[in-house]
């Protein structure tokens, strides 16, 4: 992403989602909007700093498919459980 614009993916992600947090505030209330904004901020921060924790030198495709599916499912479960997006 940094090849097209001079800002990081995390910053761009949060900036592009900000209008939706405002719409969520109007439509669903402040609790839903706040939890969604916090979730978006955490995704932005983690995405920008993931390279410091994880390196992908050797990738096993089967393991990545299983681990990725489990992690995405767990993430969605957490978001839905706490009524966030």
Protein backbone atom coordinates (compact mmCIF):
# COMPACT_ATOMS: atom_id res chain seq x y z
CA UNK A 1 0.00 0.00 0.00
CA UNK A 2 2.85 2.40 0.73
CA UNK A 3 3.81 2.16 -2.95
CA UNK A 4 0.72 4.16 -3.93
CA UNK A 5 0.31 6.61 -1.05
CA UNK A 6 2.89 7.96 1.41
CA UNK A 7 1.01 6.79 4.52
CA UNK A 8 0.92 3.40 6.20
CA UNK A 9 -1.85 0.87 5.69
CA UNK A 10 -3.01 1.17 9.31
CA UNK A 11 -3.40 4.93 9.09
CA UNK A 12 -5.22 4.68 5.78
CA UNK A 13 -7.49 1.92 7.12
CA UNK A 14 -8.53 3.97 10.13
CA UNK A 15 -8.97 7.16 8.10
CA UNK A 16 -11.18 5.47 5.51
CA UNK A 17 -13.32 3.85 8.22
CA UNK A 18 -13.76 7.01 10.31
CA UNK A 19 -16.93 8.16 8.49
CA UNK A 20 -18.49 4.79 9.22
CA UNK A 21 -17.79 5.20 12.94
CA UNK A 22 -19.68 8.49 12.83
CA UNK A 23 -22.57 6.87 10.99
CA UNK A 24 -22.59 4.04 13.53
CA UNK A 25 -22.79 6.63 16.33
CA UNK A 26 -25.93 8.13 14.76
CA UNK A 27 -27.59 4.84 13.86
CA UNK A 28 -26.56 2.35 16.57
CA UNK A 29 -25.47 4.50 19.50
CA UNK A 30 -22.27 5.55 21.18
CA UNK A 31 -21.38 2.17 22.71
CA UNK A 32 -21.41 0.36 19.36
CA UNK A 33 -19.54 3.20 17.64
CA UNK A 34 -16.91 3.39 20.39
CA UNK A 35 -16.27 -0.34 20.40
CA UNK A 36 -16.04 -0.32 16.60
CA UNK A 37 -13.61 2.61 16.65
CA UNK A 38 -11.47 0.86 19.27
CA UNK A 39 -11.48 -2.32 17.17
CA UNK A 40 -10.49 -0.33 14.08
CA UNK A 41 -7.71 1.43 15.97
CA UNK A 42 -6.35 -1.87 17.27
CA UNK A 43 -6.38 -3.36 13.76
CA UNK A 44 -4.51 -0.28 12.51
CA UNK A 45 -1.89 -0.43 15.24
CA UNK A 46 -1.38 -4.19 15.02
CA UNK A 47 -1.16 -4.09 11.21
CA UNK A 48 1.47 -1.36 11.25
CA UNK A 49 3.59 -3.16 13.85
CA UNK A 50 3.14 -6.82 12.87
CA UNK A 51 6.48 -6.91 11.04
CA UNK A 52 8.26 -6.47 14.37
CA UNK A 53 6.75 -9.66 15.79
CA UNK A 54 6.17 -12.04 12.87
CA UNK A 55 8.39 -12.85 9.91
CA UNK A 56 7.32 -15.09 7.06
CA UNK A 57 10.49 -16.68 5.72
CA UNK A 58 9.10 -20.16 5.11
CA UNK A 59 5.36 -20.61 4.62
CA UNK A 60 3.53 -23.94 4.85
CA UNK A 61 0.32 -23.40 2.88
CA UNK A 62 -1.78 -26.01 4.72
CA UNK A 63 -0.80 -24.65 8.13
CA UNK A 64 -1.45 -21.07 6.99
CA UNK A 65 -4.90 -22.00 5.67
CA UNK A 66 -5.91 -23.74 8.90
CA UNK A 67 -4.37 -21.15 11.25
CA UNK A 68 -5.74 -18.25 9.20
CA UNK A 69 -9.24 -19.70 9.16
CA UNK A 70 -9.18 -20.32 12.90
CA UNK A 71 -7.84 -16.85 13.68
CA UNK A 72 -10.36 -15.13 11.42
CA UNK A 73 -13.20 -17.12 12.96
CA UNK A 74 -12.01 -16.34 16.47
CA UNK A 75 -11.68 -12.65 15.62
CA UNK A 76 -15.19 -12.52 14.20
CA UNK A 77 -16.55 -14.37 17.23
CA UNK A 78 -14.95 -11.82 19.55
CA UNK A 79 -16.31 -8.89 17.53
CA UNK A 80 -19.84 -10.30 17.33
CA UNK A 81 -19.82 -11.31 20.99
CA UNK A 82 -18.98 -7.75 22.03
CA UNK A 83 -21.35 -6.20 19.50
CA UNK A 84 -18.69 -4.49 17.47
CA UNK A 85 -17.63 -4.40 13.84
